[in-house]
């Protein structure tokens, strides 16, 4: 009985230690927020490659969450609905693209069912898929580096 209690205690300590480390170790996801396009430019957001410099002039409330380990990003931004054509002229209509995200095709379908229009922007080895609601002046996006 003592042996079982000792094994259970050791296992409990190992599990507790593992979960404790998850909260102590630094995250590899860095989130940044910008109130304006100028603020994003001043912080060199576009030069760092997390978003392409194609956003409408009225863009605001920019949020990027960048996973430094796997070079992916997701985020959102808002803009004046009258600037949508500026943005739409810089992206192309969505067609299936290879993605590192699990069930990405289902995610795209789910966003479309919620009224988002998907589009794609590709620059060198980087792909962005934007999900926008033109009338709301709002977009969400996913970004990844293509391998090879």
N, C-alpha and C. Protein backbone atom coordinates (compact mmCIF):
# COMPACT_ATOMS: atom_id res chain seq x y z
N UNK A 1 0.82 -1.19 0.00
CA UNK A 1 0.00 0.00 0.00
C UNK A 1 0.87 1.27 0.00
N UNK A 2 1.97 1.22 0.81
CA UNK A 2 2.86 2.37 0.85
C UNK A 2 3.51 2.60 -0.51
N UNK A 3 3.85 1.50 -1.17
CA UNK A 3 4.49 1.60 -2.49
C UNK A 3 3.54 2.26 -3.49
N UNK A 4 2.27 1.90 -3.50
CA UNK A 4 1.29 2.48 -4.42
C UNK A 4 1.13 3.97 -4.12
N UNK A 5 1.08 4.32 -2.85
CA UNK A 5 0.94 5.72 -2.45
C UNK A 5 2.17 6.52 -2.91
N UNK A 6 3.37 5.92 -2.78
CA UNK A 6 4.59 6.60 -3.19
C UNK A 6 4.62 6.78 -4.71
N UNK A 7 4.22 5.78 -5.47
CA UNK A 7 4.17 5.88 -6.93
C UNK A 7 3.15 6.95 -7.35
N UNK A 8 2.00 6.96 -6.72
CA UNK A 8 0.97 7.95 -7.02
C UNK A 8 1.47 9.36 -6.72
N UNK A 9 2.18 9.52 -5.61
CA UNK A 9 2.73 10.83 -5.25
C UNK A 9 3.76 11.29 -6.27
N UNK A 10 4.64 10.39 -6.68
CA UNK A 10 5.66 10.74 -7.68
C UNK A 10 5.00 11.13 -9.00
N UNK A 11 4.02 10.35 -9.44
CA UNK A 11 3.31 10.67 -10.69
C UNK A 11 2.60 12.01 -10.59
N UNK A 12 1.97 12.27 -9.46
CA UNK A 12 1.29 13.54 -9.24
C UNK A 12 2.27 14.70 -9.32
N UNK A 13 3.45 14.54 -8.72
CA UNK A 13 4.48 15.58 -8.78
C UNK A 13 4.97 15.82 -10.20
N UNK A 14 5.14 14.75 -10.96
CA UNK A 14 5.58 14.88 -12.35
C UNK A 14 4.55 15.64 -13.18
N UNK A 15 3.28 15.26 -13.04
CA UNK A 15 2.21 15.92 -13.78
C UNK A 15 2.11 17.38 -13.35
N UNK A 16 2.14 17.65 -12.06
CA UNK A 16 2.06 19.03 -11.56
C UNK A 16 3.25 19.84 -12.07
N UNK A 17 4.42 19.24 -12.07
CA UNK A 17 5.61 19.94 -12.57
C UNK A 17 5.50 20.27 -14.04
N UNK A 18 4.99 19.34 -14.84
CA UNK A 18 4.81 19.56 -16.26
C UNK A 18 3.87 20.74 -16.52
N UNK A 19 2.71 20.72 -15.86
CA UNK A 19 1.76 21.81 -16.06
C UNK A 19 2.28 23.12 -15.48
N UNK A 20 3.04 23.06 -14.43
CA UNK A 20 3.65 24.26 -13.87
C UNK A 20 4.62 24.90 -14.84
N UNK A 21 5.40 24.08 -15.52
CA UNK A 21 6.34 24.61 -16.52
C UNK A 21 5.63 25.29 -17.67
N UNK A 22 4.46 24.80 -18.03
CA UNK A 22 3.71 25.42 -19.12
C UNK A 22 3.37 26.87 -18.80
N UNK A 23 3.18 27.19 -17.52
CA UNK A 23 2.84 28.55 -17.14
C UNK A 23 4.07 29.41 -16.89
N UNK A 24 5.20 28.80 -16.64
CA UNK A 24 6.43 29.52 -16.33
C UNK A 24 7.23 29.85 -17.58
N UNK A 25 7.29 28.90 -18.52
CA UNK A 25 8.07 29.11 -19.73
C UNK A 25 7.45 30.21 -20.58
N UNK A 26 8.29 31.02 -21.23
CA UNK A 26 7.74 32.10 -22.06
C UNK A 26 7.02 31.54 -23.29
N UNK A 27 6.00 32.23 -23.69
CA UNK A 27 5.23 31.84 -24.87
C UNK A 27 5.98 32.26 -26.13
N UNK A 28 5.83 31.48 -27.19
CA UNK A 28 6.45 31.84 -28.46
C UNK A 28 5.48 32.62 -29.34
N UNK A 29 4.32 33.00 -28.80
CA UNK A 29 3.35 33.82 -29.52
C UNK A 29 3.45 35.25 -28.99
N UNK A 30 3.70 36.17 -29.92
CA UNK A 30 3.82 37.58 -29.57
C UNK A 30 2.62 38.31 -30.18
N UNK A 31 1.87 39.00 -29.34
CA UNK A 31 0.71 39.75 -29.80
C UNK A 31 1.02 41.24 -29.73
N UNK A 32 0.70 41.94 -30.81
CA UNK A 32 0.89 43.40 -30.88
C UNK A 32 -0.42 44.03 -31.30
N UNK A 33 -0.66 45.24 -30.79
CA UNK A 33 -1.88 45.99 -31.12
C UNK A 33 -1.48 47.40 -31.55
N UNK A 34 -2.16 47.90 -32.58
CA UNK A 34 -1.89 49.24 -33.11
C UNK A 34 -3.23 49.93 -33.34
N UNK A 35 -3.33 51.16 -32.90
CA UNK A 35 -4.59 51.89 -33.08
C UNK A 35 -4.72 52.46 -34.49
N UNK A 36 -3.60 52.73 -35.15
CA UNK A 36 -3.63 53.33 -36.48
C UNK A 36 -2.58 52.69 -37.39
N UNK A 37 -2.71 52.96 -38.67
CA UNK A 37 -1.73 52.52 -39.66
C UNK A 37 -0.37 53.15 -39.36
N UNK A 38 -0.38 54.43 -38.98
CA UNK A 38 0.87 55.12 -38.66
C UNK A 38 1.59 54.45 -37.50
N UNK A 39 0.86 54.04 -36.49
CA UNK A 39 1.47 53.37 -35.34
C UNK A 39 2.10 52.04 -35.76
N UNK A 40 1.43 51.31 -36.65
CA UNK A 40 1.98 50.04 -37.15
C UNK A 40 3.25 50.30 -37.96
N UNK A 41 3.23 51.33 -38.78
CA UNK A 41 4.42 51.67 -39.58
C UNK A 41 5.57 52.10 -38.67
N UNK A 42 5.27 52.89 -37.65
CA UNK A 42 6.32 53.35 -36.73
C UNK A 42 6.99 52.19 -36.01
N UNK A 43 6.26 51.09 -35.82
CA UNK A 43 6.81 49.90 -35.15
C UNK A 43 7.39 48.90 -36.16
N UNK A 44 7.46 49.28 -37.43
CA UNK A 44 8.01 48.43 -38.50
C UNK A 44 7.28 47.11 -38.67
N UNK A 45 5.98 47.11 -38.44
CA UNK A 45 5.18 45.89 -38.58
C UNK A 45 5.33 45.28 -39.96
N UNK A 46 5.25 46.10 -41.00
CA UNK A 46 5.26 45.58 -42.36
C UNK A 46 6.66 45.10 -42.78
N UNK A 47 7.68 45.77 -42.33
CA UNK A 47 9.05 45.34 -42.64
C UNK A 47 9.36 43.99 -42.00
N UNK A 48 8.75 43.71 -40.87
CA UNK A 48 8.97 42.42 -40.20
C UNK A 48 8.21 41.28 -40.87
N UNK A 49 7.30 41.60 -41.79
CA UNK A 49 6.64 40.59 -42.60
C UNK A 49 5.41 39.93 -42.00
N UNK A 50 4.91 40.44 -40.89
CA UNK A 50 3.72 39.80 -40.30
C UNK A 50 2.44 40.19 -41.02
N UNK A 51 2.44 41.34 -41.66
CA UNK A 51 1.33 41.77 -42.51
C UNK A 51 1.93 42.44 -43.74
N UNK A 52 1.29 42.29 -44.90
CA UNK A 52 1.80 43.01 -46.07
C UNK A 52 1.35 44.47 -46.00
N UNK A 53 2.10 45.35 -46.62
CA UNK A 53 1.76 46.77 -46.59
C UNK A 53 0.75 47.08 -47.70
N UNK A 54 -0.43 46.49 -47.56
CA UNK A 54 -1.51 46.67 -48.55
C UNK A 54 -2.80 47.12 -47.88
N UNK A 55 -2.74 47.46 -46.60
CA UNK A 55 -3.95 47.79 -45.86
C UNK A 55 -4.49 49.16 -46.27
N UNK A 56 -5.79 49.34 -46.17
CA UNK A 56 -6.40 50.63 -46.53
C UNK A 56 -5.89 51.76 -45.64
N UNK A 57 -5.86 52.99 -46.15
CA UNK A 57 -5.36 54.13 -45.36
C UNK A 57 -6.12 54.35 -44.05
N UNK A 58 -7.39 53.96 -44.01
CA UNK A 58 -8.19 54.20 -42.80
C UNK A 58 -8.08 53.07 -41.78
N UNK A 59 -7.18 52.11 -42.01
CA UNK A 59 -7.11 50.95 -41.12
C UNK A 59 -6.86 51.38 -39.67
N UNK A 60 -7.47 50.64 -38.75
CA UNK A 60 -7.32 50.92 -37.32
C UNK A 60 -7.55 49.63 -36.55
N UNK A 61 -7.30 49.67 -35.28
CA UNK A 61 -7.51 48.51 -34.41
C UNK A 61 -6.85 47.25 -34.97
N UNK A 62 -5.58 47.36 -35.29
CA UNK A 62 -4.83 46.24 -35.84
C UNK A 62 -4.33 45.37 -34.68
N UNK A 63 -4.56 44.05 -34.82
CA UNK A 63 -4.01 43.10 -33.86
C UNK A 63 -3.32 41.99 -34.63
N UNK A 64 -2.08 41.69 -34.25
CA UNK A 64 -1.36 40.56 -34.83
C UNK A 64 -0.90 39.66 -33.70
N UNK A 65 -1.07 38.35 -33.89
CA UNK A 65 -0.54 37.36 -32.95
C UNK A 65 0.36 36.44 -33.77
N UNK A 66 1.66 36.53 -33.49
CA UNK A 66 2.66 35.87 -34.31
C UNK A 66 3.33 34.74 -33.53
N UNK A 67 3.26 33.53 -34.10
CA UNK A 67 3.91 32.38 -33.49
C UNK A 67 5.31 32.27 -34.08
N UNK A 68 6.29 32.65 -33.28
CA UNK A 68 7.67 32.72 -33.74
C UNK A 68 8.27 31.35 -34.02
N UNK A 69 7.77 30.31 -33.37
CA UNK A 69 8.31 28.95 -33.57
C UNK A 69 7.99 28.40 -34.96
N UNK A 70 6.78 28.63 -35.42
CA UNK A 70 6.35 28.02 -36.68
C UNK A 70 6.10 29.05 -37.78
N UNK A 71 6.42 30.32 -37.53
CA UNK A 71 6.26 31.40 -38.52
C UNK A 71 4.85 31.48 -39.07
N UNK A 72 3.88 31.55 -38.17
CA UNK A 72 2.50 31.79 -38.56
C UNK A 72 1.99 33.01 -37.81
N UNK A 73 0.93 33.59 -38.34
CA UNK A 73 0.34 34.76 -37.71
C UNK A 73 -1.16 34.73 -37.94
N UNK A 74 -1.87 35.31 -37.03
CA UNK A 74 -3.30 35.52 -37.21
C UNK A 74 -3.62 36.84 -36.55
N UNK A 75 -4.68 37.47 -37.04
CA UNK A 75 -5.04 38.76 -36.46
C UNK A 75 -6.28 39.32 -37.09
N UNK A 76 -6.44 40.63 -36.89
CA UNK A 76 -7.63 41.31 -37.36
C UNK A 76 -7.35 42.79 -37.49
N UNK A 77 -8.20 43.48 -38.24
CA UNK A 77 -8.12 44.93 -38.34
C UNK A 77 -9.46 45.46 -38.84
N UNK A 78 -9.67 46.74 -38.60
CA UNK A 78 -10.88 47.42 -39.06
C UNK A 78 -10.49 48.57 -39.96
N UNK A 79 -11.44 49.06 -40.74
CA UNK A 79 -11.20 50.17 -41.66
C UNK A 79 -12.53 50.74 -42.09
N UNK A 80 -12.50 51.89 -42.73
CA UNK A 80 -13.71 52.49 -43.25
C UNK A 80 -14.23 51.64 -44.41
N UNK A 81 -15.51 51.24 -44.39
CA UNK A 81 -16.04 50.40 -45.47
C UNK A 81 -15.83 51.02 -46.87
N UNK A 82 -15.76 52.33 -46.94
CA UNK A 82 -15.54 52.96 -48.24
C UNK A 82 -14.13 52.69 -48.79
N UNK A 83 -13.21 52.21 -47.95
CA UNK A 83 -11.85 51.87 -48.38
C UNK A 83 -11.71 50.41 -48.80
N UNK A 84 -12.81 49.66 -48.79
CA UNK A 84 -12.69 48.24 -49.11
C UNK A 84 -12.15 48.01 -50.53
N UNK A 85 -12.58 48.82 -51.49
CA UNK A 85 -12.12 48.61 -52.87
C UNK A 85 -10.60 48.79 -52.98
N UNK A 86 -10.04 49.70 -52.17
CA UNK A 86 -8.58 49.88 -52.13
C UNK A 86 -7.92 48.56 -51.74
N UNK A 87 -8.42 47.94 -50.69
CA UNK A 87 -7.86 46.68 -50.21
C UNK A 87 -8.12 45.54 -51.20
N UNK A 88 -9.36 45.44 -51.70
CA UNK A 88 -9.74 44.35 -52.60
C UNK A 88 -8.92 44.36 -53.89
N UNK A 89 -8.46 45.53 -54.31
CA UNK A 89 -7.68 45.61 -55.55
C UNK A 89 -6.26 45.05 -55.37
N UNK A 90 -5.86 44.81 -54.13
CA UNK A 90 -4.51 44.32 -53.85
C UNK A 90 -4.45 42.82 -53.52
N UNK A 91 -5.61 42.21 -53.37
CA UNK A 91 -5.68 40.77 -53.07
C UNK A 91 -6.38 40.08 -54.23
N UNK A 92 -6.34 38.75 -54.24
CA UNK A 92 -7.06 38.02 -55.29
C UNK A 92 -8.11 37.13 -54.64
N UNK A 93 -9.11 36.74 -55.42
CA UNK A 93 -10.16 35.87 -54.86
C UNK A 93 -9.54 34.58 -54.32
N UNK A 94 -10.15 34.06 -53.29
CA UNK A 94 -9.64 32.85 -52.65
C UNK A 94 -9.83 31.63 -53.54
N UNK A 95 -8.77 30.84 -53.65
CA UNK A 95 -8.81 29.50 -54.21
C UNK A 95 -8.03 28.67 -53.23
N UNK A 96 -8.35 27.39 -53.15
CA UNK A 96 -7.69 26.53 -52.18
C UNK A 96 -6.18 26.69 -52.24
N UNK A 97 -5.57 26.85 -51.08
CA UNK A 97 -4.12 26.93 -50.97
C UNK A 97 -3.68 25.94 -49.89
N UNK A 98 -2.51 25.37 -50.08
CA UNK A 98 -1.93 24.46 -49.09
C UNK A 98 -1.65 25.27 -47.82
N UNK A 99 -2.09 24.76 -46.69
CA UNK A 99 -1.97 25.48 -45.42
C UNK A 99 -1.42 24.57 -44.33
N UNK A 100 -0.66 25.11 -43.39
CA UNK A 100 -0.18 24.30 -42.27
C UNK A 100 -1.22 24.12 -41.17
N UNK A 101 -2.36 24.78 -41.30
CA UNK A 101 -3.39 24.72 -40.28
C UNK A 101 -4.28 23.50 -40.49
N UNK A 102 -4.56 22.79 -39.42
CA UNK A 102 -5.44 21.62 -39.49
C UNK A 102 -6.84 22.06 -39.89
N UNK A 103 -7.45 21.32 -40.79
CA UNK A 103 -8.83 21.56 -41.22
C UNK A 103 -9.05 22.98 -41.75
N UNK A 104 -8.07 23.50 -42.50
CA UNK A 104 -8.18 24.88 -42.98
C UNK A 104 -9.36 25.05 -43.94
N UNK A 105 -9.60 24.08 -44.81
CA UNK A 105 -10.72 24.18 -45.74
C UNK A 105 -12.05 24.33 -44.98
N UNK A 106 -12.18 23.58 -43.89
CA UNK A 106 -13.40 23.69 -43.07
C UNK A 106 -13.48 25.06 -42.40
N UNK A 107 -12.34 25.59 -41.99
CA UNK A 107 -12.31 26.92 -41.37
C UNK A 107 -12.74 27.99 -42.38
N UNK A 108 -12.28 27.85 -43.62
CA UNK A 108 -12.68 28.80 -44.66
C UNK A 108 -14.18 28.72 -44.88
N UNK A 109 -14.71 27.51 -44.99
CA UNK A 109 -16.15 27.33 -45.19
C UNK A 109 -16.95 27.92 -44.02
N UNK A 110 -16.45 27.73 -42.81
CA UNK A 110 -17.14 28.27 -41.63
C UNK A 110 -17.14 29.80 -41.67
N UNK A 111 -16.02 30.40 -42.06
CA UNK A 111 -15.96 31.87 -42.15
C UNK A 111 -16.92 32.37 -43.23
N UNK A 112 -16.98 31.67 -44.37
CA UNK A 112 -17.90 32.07 -45.43
C UNK A 112 -19.35 31.97 -44.95
N UNK A 113 -19.67 30.95 -44.18
CA UNK A 113 -21.04 30.81 -43.68
C UNK A 113 -21.40 31.92 -42.70
N UNK A 114 -20.38 32.55 -42.12
CA UNK A 114 -20.60 33.68 -41.20
C UNK A 114 -20.59 35.02 -41.95
N UNK A 115 -20.51 34.99 -43.29
CA UNK A 115 -20.58 36.20 -44.08
C UNK A 115 -19.25 36.83 -44.43
N UNK A 116 -18.16 36.14 -44.15
CA UNK A 116 -16.83 36.66 -44.50
C UNK A 116 -16.48 36.25 -45.92
N UNK A 117 -15.85 37.16 -46.65
CA UNK A 117 -15.39 36.87 -48.00
C UNK A 117 -13.88 36.61 -47.94
N UNK A 118 -13.43 35.40 -48.32
CA UNK A 118 -11.99 35.11 -48.27
C UNK A 118 -11.26 35.63 -49.51
N UNK A 119 -10.02 36.05 -49.30
CA UNK A 119 -9.14 36.45 -50.40
C UNK A 119 -7.71 36.08 -50.01
N UNK A 120 -6.83 36.11 -51.00
CA UNK A 120 -5.45 35.66 -50.80
C UNK A 120 -4.48 36.73 -51.27
N UNK A 121 -3.37 36.83 -50.55
CA UNK A 121 -2.25 37.67 -50.98
C UNK A 121 -0.99 36.85 -50.78
N UNK A 122 -0.15 36.79 -51.82
CA UNK A 122 1.09 36.01 -51.76
C UNK A 122 2.24 36.94 -52.08
N UNK A 123 3.28 36.85 -51.25
CA UNK A 123 4.49 37.65 -51.44
C UNK A 123 5.68 36.74 -51.15
N UNK A 124 6.47 36.46 -52.18
CA UNK A 124 7.59 35.53 -52.08
C UNK A 124 7.11 34.21 -51.47
N UNK A 125 7.59 33.83 -50.28
CA UNK A 125 7.19 32.54 -49.69
C UNK A 125 6.12 32.69 -48.62
N UNK A 126 5.51 33.85 -48.55
CA UNK A 126 4.51 34.10 -47.51
C UNK A 126 3.12 34.17 -48.12
N UNK A 127 2.16 33.53 -47.46
CA UNK A 127 0.76 33.55 -47.89
C UNK A 127 -0.10 34.11 -46.77
N UNK A 128 -0.99 35.02 -47.15
CA UNK A 128 -1.99 35.54 -46.22
C UNK A 128 -3.36 35.20 -46.79
N UNK A 129 -4.25 34.73 -45.96
CA UNK A 129 -5.65 34.57 -46.34
C UNK A 129 -6.44 35.52 -45.45
N UNK A 130 -7.14 36.44 -46.11
CA UNK A 130 -7.94 37.44 -45.42
C UNK A 130 -9.41 37.04 -45.49
N UNK A 131 -10.12 37.25 -44.41
CA UNK A 131 -11.55 37.00 -44.32
C UNK A 131 -12.19 38.34 -43.97
N UNK A 132 -12.90 38.94 -44.92
CA UNK A 132 -13.39 40.30 -44.72
C UNK A 132 -14.91 40.41 -44.83
N UNK A 133 -15.42 41.37 -44.09
CA UNK A 133 -16.81 41.78 -44.22
C UNK A 133 -16.76 43.23 -44.70
N UNK A 134 -17.00 43.39 -46.01
CA UNK A 134 -16.88 44.71 -46.64
C UNK A 134 -17.75 45.75 -45.95
N UNK A 135 -19.03 45.41 -45.73
CA UNK A 135 -19.97 46.40 -45.17
C UNK A 135 -19.63 46.79 -43.74
N UNK A 136 -18.91 45.93 -43.04
CA UNK A 136 -18.52 46.22 -41.66
C UNK A 136 -17.13 46.86 -41.59
N UNK A 137 -16.38 46.80 -42.69
CA UNK A 137 -15.01 47.32 -42.67
C UNK A 137 -14.15 46.55 -41.68
N UNK A 138 -14.19 45.22 -41.79
CA UNK A 138 -13.51 44.38 -40.81
C UNK A 138 -12.92 43.15 -41.50
N UNK A 139 -11.67 42.81 -41.15
CA UNK A 139 -11.03 41.61 -41.68
C UNK A 139 -10.31 40.86 -40.57
N UNK A 140 -10.28 39.54 -40.73
CA UNK A 140 -9.43 38.66 -39.94
C UNK A 140 -8.50 38.00 -40.94
N UNK A 141 -7.35 37.50 -40.46
CA UNK A 141 -6.43 36.88 -41.40
C UNK A 141 -5.62 35.76 -40.75
N UNK A 142 -5.08 34.91 -41.60
CA UNK A 142 -4.09 33.89 -41.24
C UNK A 142 -2.91 34.06 -42.17
N UNK A 143 -1.70 33.86 -41.66
CA UNK A 143 -0.48 33.98 -42.46
C UNK A 143 0.42 32.81 -42.15
N UNK A 144 1.17 32.34 -43.17
CA UNK A 144 2.18 31.30 -42.96
C UNK A 144 3.23 31.40 -44.04
N UNK A 145 4.39 30.84 -43.73
CA UNK A 145 5.47 30.71 -44.69
C UNK A 145 5.33 29.37 -45.39
N UNK A 146 5.46 29.37 -46.70
CA UNK A 146 5.42 28.12 -47.45
C UNK A 146 6.79 27.46 -47.38
N UNK A 147 6.80 26.17 -47.23
CA UNK A 147 8.05 25.40 -47.17
C UNK A 147 8.55 25.09 -48.57
N UNK A 148 9.86 24.96 -48.70
CA UNK A 148 10.43 24.51 -49.96
C UNK A 148 10.84 25.56 -50.90
